[in-house]
Amino acid sequence: MPSPAIPPGNLPMKYLGVPLITTKLKRGDCEELIRKISGRITSWNSKFLSYAGRIQLINSVLYGIQSYWSSMFILPKSVLKELEKLMNHFLWNGDVSKNHGINLSW
């Protein structure tokens, strides 16, 4: 009796949460990474976090997700800038949707 055939798949497909593609990674391929990081930020109740607590979350969780993707792909500059912008907004404002400036007294 012949073994069941494995159906052919189409690229891009996902393996361990990252897309498997045959070409260079583009910004559209990284939308899931941006969504994942912004979703993680919005799930945290940041009004009860101190500045040091937000730094710790950025260093351990958010950079961990980014380095996981970076270990498999060379991320486009525009994606890295977007991730940096999200992390800066979370650090200074506690949320990704607020767009007011940094509160520093010079």
Protein backbone atom coordinates (compact mmCIF):
# COMPACT_ATOMS: atom_id res chain seq x y z
CA MET A 1 0.00 0.00 0.00
CA PRO A 2 1.55 3.34 -1.02
CA SER A 3 2.12 5.97 1.61
CA PRO A 4 -0.16 9.04 1.54
CA ALA A 5 1.26 11.85 -0.55
CA ILE A 6 2.13 15.11 1.12
CA PRO A 7 0.27 17.93 -0.62
CA PRO A 8 2.52 20.60 -2.11
CA GLY A 9 2.46 23.95 -0.32
CA ASN A 10 2.82 27.49 -1.56
CA LEU A 11 5.34 30.06 -0.40
CA PRO A 12 5.19 32.19 1.67
CA MET A 13 4.17 29.87 4.45
CA LYS A 14 4.90 30.13 8.16
CA TYR A 15 7.25 28.03 10.22
CA LEU A 16 7.72 28.79 13.93
CA GLY A 17 5.91 32.10 13.48
CA VAL A 18 8.10 33.49 10.70
CA PRO A 19 7.42 33.44 6.97
CA LEU A 20 9.38 31.11 4.73
CA ILE A 21 10.08 32.92 1.49
CA THR A 22 12.56 32.49 -1.32
CA THR A 23 13.23 36.18 -1.94
CA LYS A 24 14.67 39.02 0.10
CA LEU A 25 12.41 40.09 2.97
CA LYS A 26 10.30 43.16 2.21
CA ARG A 27 8.35 45.51 4.49
CA GLY A 28 5.07 43.78 3.68
CA ASP A 29 6.53 40.47 4.85
CA CYS A 30 7.34 42.05 8.24
CA GLU A 31 3.87 43.41 8.98
CA GLU A 32 3.27 40.47 11.32
CA LEU A 33 6.39 41.38 13.31
CA ILE A 34 5.23 44.99 13.67
CA ARG A 35 1.72 43.83 14.62
CA LYS A 36 3.12 41.38 17.16
CA ILE A 37 5.29 43.99 18.89
CA SER A 38 2.59 46.68 18.94
CA GLY A 39 0.07 44.13 20.21
CA ARG A 40 2.43 43.14 23.00
CA ILE A 41 2.88 46.80 23.98
CA THR A 42 -0.86 47.50 24.04
CA SER A 43 -1.50 44.41 26.16
CA TRP A 44 0.70 45.75 28.96
CA ASN A 45 -0.94 48.06 31.49
CA SER A 46 1.80 50.67 31.31
CA LYS A 47 0.31 53.30 33.59
CA PHE A 48 1.41 51.16 36.54
CA LEU A 49 4.93 50.67 35.15
CA SER A 50 7.85 52.88 36.04
CA TYR A 51 10.38 54.13 33.52
CA ALA A 52 12.80 51.38 34.61
CA GLY A 53 10.06 48.76 34.27
CA ARG A 54 9.33 49.84 30.71
CA ILE A 55 13.06 49.71 29.88
CA GLN A 56 13.23 46.17 31.27
CA LEU A 57 10.24 45.05 29.16
CA ILE A 58 11.74 46.61 26.04
CA ASN A 59 15.12 44.98 26.59
CA SER A 60 13.89 41.53 27.51
CA VAL A 61 10.66 41.01 25.55
CA LEU A 62 10.58 43.36 22.58
CA TYR A 63 14.24 43.10 21.61
CA GLY A 64 13.93 39.34 22.11
CA ILE A 65 11.18 39.15 19.48
CA GLN A 66 13.18 41.39 17.15
CA SER A 67 16.39 39.39 17.58
CA TYR A 68 14.51 36.13 16.88
CA TRP A 69 13.42 37.48 13.50
CA SER A 70 16.86 39.04 12.91
CA SER A 71 18.57 35.71 13.50
CA MET A 72 16.74 34.31 10.45
CA PHE A 73 16.45 37.34 8.15
CA ILE A 74 18.08 40.64 7.39
CA LEU A 75 15.29 43.02 8.34
CA PRO A 76 14.70 46.05 6.08
CA LYS A 77 15.74 49.45 7.45
CA SER A 78 12.19 50.76 7.31
CA VAL A 79 11.01 47.92 9.57
CA LEU A 80 13.83 48.55 12.04
CA LYS A 81 12.96 52.26 12.14
CA GLU A 82 9.27 51.44 12.70
CA LEU A 83 10.12 49.06 15.56
CA GLU A 84 12.42 51.65 17.11
CA LYS A 85 9.63 54.23 16.87
CA LEU A 86 7.18 51.87 18.60
CA MET A 87 9.66 51.15 21.39
CA ASN A 88 10.43 54.87 21.86
CA HIS A 89 6.74 55.71 22.10
CA PHE A 90 6.26 52.96 24.69
CA LEU A 91 9.28 54.08 26.69
CA TRP A 92 8.40 57.76 26.85
CA ASN A 93 4.60 57.73 26.64
CA GLY A 94 3.65 54.27 27.88
CA ASP A 95 1.56 53.66 24.76
CA VAL A 96 2.10 53.35 21.02
CA SER A 97 -0.87 55.51 20.05
CA LYS A 98 0.11 58.71 21.88
CA ASN A 99 2.16 61.10 19.79
CA HIS A 100 3.13 63.89 22.18
CA GLY A 101 6.77 64.68 22.79
CA ILE A 102 9.20 63.58 25.43
CA ASN A 103 8.67 65.14 28.85
CA LEU A 104 12.08 66.49 29.81
CA SER A 105 12.79 69.72 31.59
CA TRP A 106 15.93 71.37 30.32
